[in-house]
Amino acid sequence: MSEFHEHHALREHWHAVATEHELLGGPVGRTVLGDSLVLYLDENGEAVAAEDRCPHREAPLSEGRIEDGRLVCPYHGWSFGAGGRCARIPSADPSLPLPRNGNLRTVHVTRRYGLVWVCLADVPGELPVIRQDVDPAFRRINSPVEHWQACALRMTDNFLDIAHFPWVHTGTFGNSQRTEVGRIELEMLDDGYFGYAYDVEAENPLGATLVSGQKTSTVLRRMTTGFKLPFAVRSTILYETGLEHIILLLSTPVDAVRSLFTFVVWRNDDFRVSAEEAIAFDRMIGAEDKRMLERIPGVLPLTSRALASTQSDKASTAWRLQFAKLLGLSQHYNED
């Protein structure tokens, strides 16, 4: 399924494409599931997502600018406001009506968790739930959206896996983890995520002490890892001190082998650690994943026997099966 990103089922889901902060700087261009989009804030401060082409002569609007809350095309200066409606054509007689086909073709857009999300279908699905976002005991910390030269299928598979910790994350927390993985029992977690619970004895180097709030050489992390289709993975970390660290990992296919990636963190800490310090260690972990995944070419196979797996791969195998069902490939998955 090398062109999985073109499947219509994926268009019915929300995909994280930018941080809210990014839109403050002007129009942002993103490619999602092969479609080129432009994102901007209109005169009312509302987010707009549309095809990244001017209806006049198809110039990329993401290379334009914002003037008085309107997106201005860099080619002929056409401007677009709320809902993508054409607001002004500098070369046209203002007494004449604007062309009926002069408005932008917009897609569904919403903002949640400090992120901008788009849905390319007529009827959008549901966003992943993070209940801590409305809990005053927790603060939310966003990380920039990155471009990875990796397949979103491989990224999701990786984020569900713990067997790679002692091999890939040697520069962060993986050194103290035993290489063998205990029995994994899959279950429905809270808020609609499906995954498993486990304990990890993790390295606690200097950079990690700010995150864990402990100064011991190792710390016990009581964790859960679960997914929500198509590409959302949530990890929860509970330290013995009562500190909770919730991470939402989001992969968005640009195409079959390129992706957008961002993560959001929620913490019930005492704010003594700055936001950047609180996520610096997670960003180091993500960089280790990125280095490995960008070495693996192509699309992760979805068929059941294409890859060798063990019980430590139960979560990612379950995700692959559910993802195959989403794409209508479950029979092929089971037979191959």
Protein backbone atom coordinates (compact mmCIF):
# COMPACT_ATOMS: atom_id res chain seq x y z
CA MET A 1 0.00 0.00 0.00
CA SER A 2 2.66 2.47 -1.12
CA GLU A 3 0.08 5.22 -1.74
CA PHE A 4 -1.76 4.79 1.55
CA HIS A 5 -1.86 8.55 2.06
CA GLU A 6 -4.26 8.90 -0.89
CA HIS A 7 -6.91 6.69 0.71
CA HIS A 8 -10.21 8.51 1.23
CA ALA A 9 -10.61 7.13 4.77
CA LEU A 10 -7.69 9.23 6.01
CA ARG A 11 -9.35 12.39 4.73
CA GLU A 12 -12.17 11.90 7.24
CA HIS A 13 -9.82 12.37 10.21
CA TRP A 14 -8.24 15.45 11.75
CA HIS A 15 -4.52 15.98 11.15
CA ALA A 16 -2.26 18.34 13.13
CA VAL A 17 -0.42 20.65 10.73
CA ALA A 18 0.87 23.69 12.63
CA THR A 19 1.04 25.35 16.01
CA GLU A 20 -1.30 28.25 16.68
CA HIS A 21 1.75 30.42 17.25
CA GLU A 22 2.98 29.80 13.69
CA LEU A 23 -0.07 31.48 12.18
CA LEU A 24 0.73 34.72 14.00
CA GLY A 25 3.67 35.21 11.65
CA GLY A 26 1.68 35.15 8.41
CA PRO A 27 0.43 32.50 5.99
CA VAL A 28 1.75 28.98 6.44
CA GLY A 29 2.01 26.39 3.68
CA ARG A 30 1.54 22.71 4.46
CA THR A 31 1.10 19.55 2.41
CA VAL A 32 -1.29 17.01 3.95
CA LEU A 33 -2.09 13.65 2.35
CA GLY A 34 -0.63 15.02 -0.87
CA ASP A 35 -2.80 18.17 -0.88
CA SER A 36 -1.11 21.59 -0.71
CA LEU A 37 -2.81 23.92 1.77
CA VAL A 38 -2.40 27.48 2.98
CA LEU A 39 -3.27 28.41 6.57
CA TYR A 40 -3.88 31.93 7.84
CA LEU A 41 -5.74 33.99 10.44
CA ASP A 42 -8.52 36.16 9.04
CA GLU A 43 -9.63 39.63 10.16
CA ASN A 44 -11.60 38.07 13.02
CA GLY A 45 -8.63 36.05 14.27
CA GLU A 46 -10.19 32.81 13.03
CA ALA A 47 -8.09 30.17 11.29
CA VAL A 48 -8.71 29.47 7.61
CA ALA A 49 -7.34 26.50 5.66
CA ALA A 50 -7.63 26.41 1.88
CA GLU A 51 -6.03 25.07 -1.27
CA ASP A 52 -2.65 26.72 -1.70
CA ARG A 53 -3.54 28.22 -5.06
CA CYS A 54 -5.02 31.51 -6.04
CA PRO A 55 -8.21 30.99 -8.13
CA HIS A 56 -6.99 33.70 -10.49
CA ARG A 57 -3.75 32.27 -11.93
CA GLU A 58 -2.90 29.55 -9.37
CA ALA A 59 -0.01 31.26 -7.61
CA PRO A 60 0.94 29.73 -4.23
CA LEU A 61 -0.83 31.82 -1.62
CA SER A 62 1.49 30.59 1.11
CA GLU A 63 4.11 32.88 -0.43
CA GLY A 64 1.84 35.87 0.03
CA ARG A 65 1.32 38.08 3.07
CA ILE A 66 -1.36 39.21 5.50
CA GLU A 67 -2.70 42.77 5.29
CA ASP A 68 -5.48 43.88 7.66
CA GLY A 69 -6.42 40.27 8.35
CA ARG A 70 -6.62 39.35 4.68
CA LEU A 71 -4.42 36.96 2.74
CA VAL A 72 -2.86 38.75 -0.24
CA CYS A 73 -1.72 36.82 -3.31
CA PRO A 74 1.91 37.54 -4.26
CA TYR A 75 1.13 37.47 -8.00
CA HIS A 76 -1.67 39.99 -8.62
CA GLY A 77 -2.60 41.14 -5.13
CA TRP A 78 -6.01 39.49 -4.88
CA SER A 79 -6.99 39.37 -1.20
CA PHE A 80 -9.07 36.86 0.75
CA GLY A 81 -10.70 37.19 4.14
CA ALA A 82 -13.01 35.22 6.41
CA GLY A 83 -14.00 31.84 5.04
CA GLY A 84 -11.62 32.29 2.11
CA ARG A 85 -13.94 34.76 0.41
CA CYS A 86 -12.39 37.06 -2.16
CA ALA A 87 -12.40 40.58 -0.67
CA ARG A 88 -10.54 42.71 -3.21
CA ILE A 89 -9.07 42.60 -6.72
CA PRO A 90 -6.75 45.60 -7.20
CA SER A 91 -6.95 45.52 -10.99
CA ALA A 92 -10.76 45.30 -11.14
CA ASP A 93 -13.38 48.04 -11.22
CA PRO A 94 -14.68 48.15 -7.61
CA SER A 95 -18.18 48.91 -8.85
CA LEU A 96 -18.38 45.55 -10.57
CA PRO A 97 -19.18 42.27 -8.74
CA LEU A 98 -16.32 39.94 -7.89
CA PRO A 99 -16.07 36.68 -9.88
CA ARG A 100 -18.24 33.90 -8.48
CA ASN A 101 -15.34 31.46 -8.73
CA GLY A 102 -12.93 33.88 -7.07
CA ASN A 103 -13.28 32.47 -3.56
CA LEU A 104 -10.82 29.97 -2.08
CA ARG A 105 -11.66 26.30 -1.78
CA THR A 106 -11.49 25.83 1.97
CA VAL A 107 -11.25 22.70 4.13
CA HIS A 108 -12.32 22.14 7.72
CA VAL A 109 -9.96 23.67 10.26
CA THR A 110 -10.01 23.86 14.05
CA ARG A 111 -7.68 24.75 16.90
CA ARG A 112 -7.12 22.61 19.98
CA TYR A 113 -4.20 21.84 22.30
CA GLY A 114 -2.30 24.81 20.88
CA LEU A 115 -2.37 23.21 17.43
CA VAL A 116 -4.09 23.85 14.12
CA TRP A 117 -5.85 20.78 12.70
CA VAL A 118 -7.35 20.19 9.26
CA CYS A 119 -9.81 17.64 7.90
CA LEU A 120 -10.09 17.18 4.14
CA ALA A 121 -13.50 15.45 4.11
CA ASP A 122 -16.93 17.07 4.12
CA VAL A 123 -17.79 15.68 7.56
CA PRO A 124 -14.90 15.70 10.04
CA GLY A 125 -14.34 13.00 12.63
CA GLU A 126 -13.39 13.41 16.29
CA LEU A 127 -10.17 14.81 17.68
CA PRO A 128 -8.11 12.75 20.15
CA VAL A 129 -9.05 13.53 23.75
CA ILE A 130 -6.60 14.73 26.40
CA ARG A 131 -8.62 15.36 29.55
CA GLN A 132 -5.70 17.06 31.30
CA ASP A 133 -6.07 20.00 28.91
CA VAL A 134 -9.00 21.30 30.97
CA ASP A 135 -7.53 20.31 34.36
CA PRO A 136 -6.17 23.41 36.14
CA ALA A 137 -3.55 21.24 37.86
CA PHE A 138 -1.84 20.69 34.50
CA ARG A 139 -0.06 23.04 32.14
CA ARG A 140 0.26 22.45 28.41
CA ILE A 141 3.55 22.83 26.53
CA ASN A 142 3.76 22.81 22.74
CA SER A 143 6.66 21.87 20.52
CA PRO A 144 7.22 23.12 16.94
CA VAL A 145 5.98 21.12 13.97
CA GLU A 146 8.90 19.33 12.31
CA HIS A 147 9.37 17.82 8.86
CA TRP A 148 10.58 14.20 8.94
CA GLN A 149 11.83 12.25 5.94
CA ALA A 150 10.01 9.20 7.26
CA CYS A 151 6.76 7.35 6.63
CA ALA A 152 3.99 8.17 9.13
CA LEU A 153 3.26 4.44 9.39
CA ARG A 154 6.81 3.79 10.61
CA MET A 155 6.60 6.69 13.01
CA THR A 156 3.38 5.46 14.63
CA ASP A 157 4.74 1.92 14.83
CA ASN A 158 7.87 3.28 16.53
CA PHE A 159 5.99 5.38 19.09
CA LEU A 160 4.04 2.29 20.19
CA ASP A 161 7.21 0.24 20.70
CA ILE A 162 9.36 -0.04 23.85
CA ALA A 163 11.80 -2.72 22.68
CA HIS A 164 13.94 -0.11 20.91
CA PHE A 165 14.50 1.97 24.06
CA PRO A 166 17.84 0.43 25.16
CA TRP A 167 19.19 0.55 21.58
CA VAL A 168 17.98 3.85 20.11
CA HIS A 169 17.70 6.00 23.24
CA THR A 170 21.17 5.41 24.63
CA GLY A 171 21.81 9.15 24.77
CA THR A 172 18.75 9.84 26.92
CA PHE A 173 17.01 7.27 29.14
CA GLY A 174 17.49 3.84 27.55
CA ASN A 175 20.73 2.56 29.07
CA SER A 176 19.19 1.19 32.26
CA GLN A 177 16.28 -0.60 30.65
CA ARG A 178 16.56 -4.36 30.39
CA THR A 179 16.61 -5.55 26.80
CA GLU A 180 13.96 -8.20 27.40
CA VAL A 181 10.37 -6.95 27.40
CA GLY A 182 7.84 -8.32 29.88
CA ARG A 183 4.52 -9.72 28.77
CA ILE A 184 2.37 -7.05 27.15
CA GLU A 185 -1.37 -7.13 27.77
CA LEU A 186 -3.41 -4.90 25.48
CA GLU A 187 -6.47 -3.16 26.83
CA MET A 188 -8.76 -0.23 26.24
CA LEU A 189 -7.25 2.71 28.11
CA ASP A 190 -9.11 5.85 29.15
CA ASP A 191 -10.41 8.41 26.65
CA GLY A 192 -10.56 5.97 23.75
CA TYR A 193 -6.90 4.97 23.46
CA PHE A 194 -5.99 1.31 22.97
CA GLY A 195 -2.67 0.07 24.29
CA TYR A 196 -0.88 -1.22 27.36
CA ALA A 197 0.57 -0.33 30.77
CA TYR A 198 4.14 -1.04 31.84
CA ASP A 199 6.93 0.03 34.18
CA VAL A 200 10.33 1.30 33.04
CA GLU A 201 13.46 1.76 35.15
CA ALA A 202 14.91 4.70 33.23
CA GLU A 203 18.19 6.57 33.21
CA ASN A 204 17.91 9.94 34.93
CA PRO A 205 20.84 12.02 33.63
CA LEU A 206 21.19 15.71 34.36
CA GLY A 207 18.87 16.74 31.52
CA ALA A 208 16.18 14.36 32.75
CA THR A 209 16.22 15.50 36.38
CA LEU A 210 14.39 18.67 35.35
CA VAL A 211 11.64 16.52 33.84
CA SER A 212 11.42 13.87 36.57
CA GLY A 213 11.90 16.20 39.51
CA GLN A 214 14.24 13.60 41.05
CA LYS A 215 18.03 13.53 41.34
CA THR A 216 18.57 9.76 41.62
CA SER A 217 20.59 8.04 38.87
CA THR A 218 17.51 6.10 37.75
CA VAL A 219 13.77 6.63 38.17
CA LEU A 220 10.78 4.34 37.98
CA ARG A 221 8.31 5.37 35.31
CA ARG A 222 4.83 3.84 35.48
CA MET A 223 3.60 4.30 31.95
CA THR A 224 0.84 3.63 29.48
CA THR A 225 1.12 3.83 25.72
CA GLY A 226 -1.92 3.75 23.48
CA PHE A 227 -3.14 4.84 20.06
CA LYS A 228 -6.15 6.42 18.46
CA LEU A 229 -6.55 5.98 14.72
CA PRO A 230 -5.10 6.94 12.47
CA PHE A 231 -1.78 8.33 13.80
CA ALA A 232 -2.18 9.64 17.36
CA VAL A 233 -0.14 8.00 20.14
CA ARG A 234 -0.46 8.99 23.79
CA SER A 235 2.08 8.10 26.47
CA THR A 236 1.41 8.73 30.15
CA ILE A 237 4.24 8.78 32.69
CA LEU A 238 3.66 8.68 36.44
CA TYR A 239 6.64 9.14 38.73
CA GLU A 240 6.77 7.93 42.32
CA THR A 241 6.57 11.55 43.49
CA GLY A 242 3.12 11.91 41.93
CA LEU A 243 4.37 13.97 39.02
CA GLU A 244 2.52 13.15 35.79
CA HIS A 245 3.91 13.81 32.33
CA ILE A 246 1.47 13.24 29.45
CA ILE A 247 2.73 13.23 25.85
CA LEU A 248 0.58 13.29 22.70
CA LEU A 249 2.66 12.28 19.66
CA LEU A 250 1.17 13.29 16.31
CA SER A 251 2.32 12.20 12.85
CA THR A 252 0.72 13.64 9.71
CA PRO A 253 1.52 12.22 6.27
CA VAL A 254 2.79 14.74 3.75
CA ASP A 255 2.94 11.86 1.29
CA ALA A 256 3.85 8.19 1.56
CA VAL A 257 7.40 8.73 2.83
CA ARG A 258 7.43 12.24 4.31
CA SER A 259 5.61 13.42 7.41
CA LEU A 260 4.93 16.27 9.78
CA PHE A 261 5.58 15.59 13.46
CA THR A 262 4.81 17.40 16.65
CA PHE A 263 4.16 16.52 20.27
CA VAL A 264 2.31 18.20 23.11
CA VAL A 265 3.10 17.75 26.82
CA TRP A 266 0.87 18.19 29.87
CA ARG A 267 2.44 18.29 33.37
CA ASN A 268 1.07 18.72 36.89
CA ASP A 269 4.33 20.27 38.09
CA ASP A 270 4.88 23.39 40.17
CA PHE A 271 6.11 25.53 37.24
CA ARG A 272 9.60 25.81 38.72
CA VAL A 273 10.93 24.40 35.46
CA SER A 274 10.49 26.50 32.33
CA ALA A 275 8.41 25.15 29.46
CA GLU A 276 11.48 24.72 27.25
CA GLU A 277 13.38 22.90 30.00
CA ALA A 278 10.39 20.65 30.64
CA ILE A 279 10.30 19.40 27.03
CA ALA A 280 14.01 19.58 26.15
CA PHE A 281 14.53 15.95 27.19
CA ASP A 282 11.52 14.81 25.14
CA ARG A 283 12.92 16.67 22.15
CA MET A 284 16.22 14.82 22.56
CA ILE A 285 14.31 11.52 22.62
CA GLY A 286 12.42 12.54 19.48
CA ALA A 287 15.68 13.41 17.73
CA GLU A 288 16.97 9.89 18.46
CA ASP A 289 13.81 8.41 16.93
CA LYS A 290 14.10 10.70 13.92
CA ARG A 291 17.69 9.70 13.22
CA MET A 292 16.73 6.03 13.18
CA LEU A 293 13.48 6.34 11.22
CA GLU A 294 15.02 8.50 8.51
CA ARG A 295 17.48 5.66 7.82
CA ILE A 296 14.63 3.28 6.93
CA PRO A 297 13.34 3.84 3.40
CA GLY A 298 9.89 3.25 2.03
CA VAL A 299 6.48 2.51 3.51
CA LEU A 300 5.94 0.22 6.48
CA PRO A 301 4.22 -2.95 5.17
CA LEU A 302 0.72 -3.50 6.50
CA THR A 303 0.27 -7.16 5.58
CA SER A 304 0.47 -9.53 8.52
CA ARG A 305 3.38 -11.69 7.39
CA ALA A 306 5.49 -9.02 5.73
CA LEU A 307 7.33 -8.32 8.98
CA ALA A 308 8.60 -10.63 11.71
CA SER A 309 7.12 -9.75 15.11
CA THR A 310 7.30 -10.93 18.71
CA GLN A 311 5.06 -10.37 21.71
CA SER A 312 6.86 -7.09 22.41
CA ASP A 313 5.34 -5.84 19.13
CA LYS A 314 1.74 -6.52 20.19
CA ALA A 315 0.71 -2.87 20.35
CA SER A 316 2.10 -1.91 16.96
CA THR A 317 0.72 -5.12 15.44
CA ALA A 318 -2.72 -4.28 16.83
CA TRP A 319 -2.43 -0.77 15.40
CA ARG A 320 -1.42 -2.12 11.98
CA LEU A 321 -4.46 -4.41 11.93
CA GLN A 322 -6.86 -1.64 12.95
CA PHE A 323 -5.27 0.72 10.44
CA ALA A 324 -5.66 -1.95 7.73
CA LYS A 325 -9.34 -2.25 8.66
CA LEU A 326 -9.70 1.52 8.40
CA LEU A 327 -8.39 1.31 4.84
CA GLY A 328 -10.54 -1.74 4.05
CA LEU A 329 -7.53 -4.05 3.88
CA SER A 330 -8.26 -6.36 6.83
CA GLN A 331 -8.99 -9.42 4.67
CA HIS A 332 -5.73 -8.93 2.79
CA TYR A 333 -3.98 -8.38 6.10
CA ASN A 334 -5.21 -11.65 7.58
CA GLU A 335 -4.59 -13.79 4.52
CA ASP A 336 -1.16 -12.58 3.42
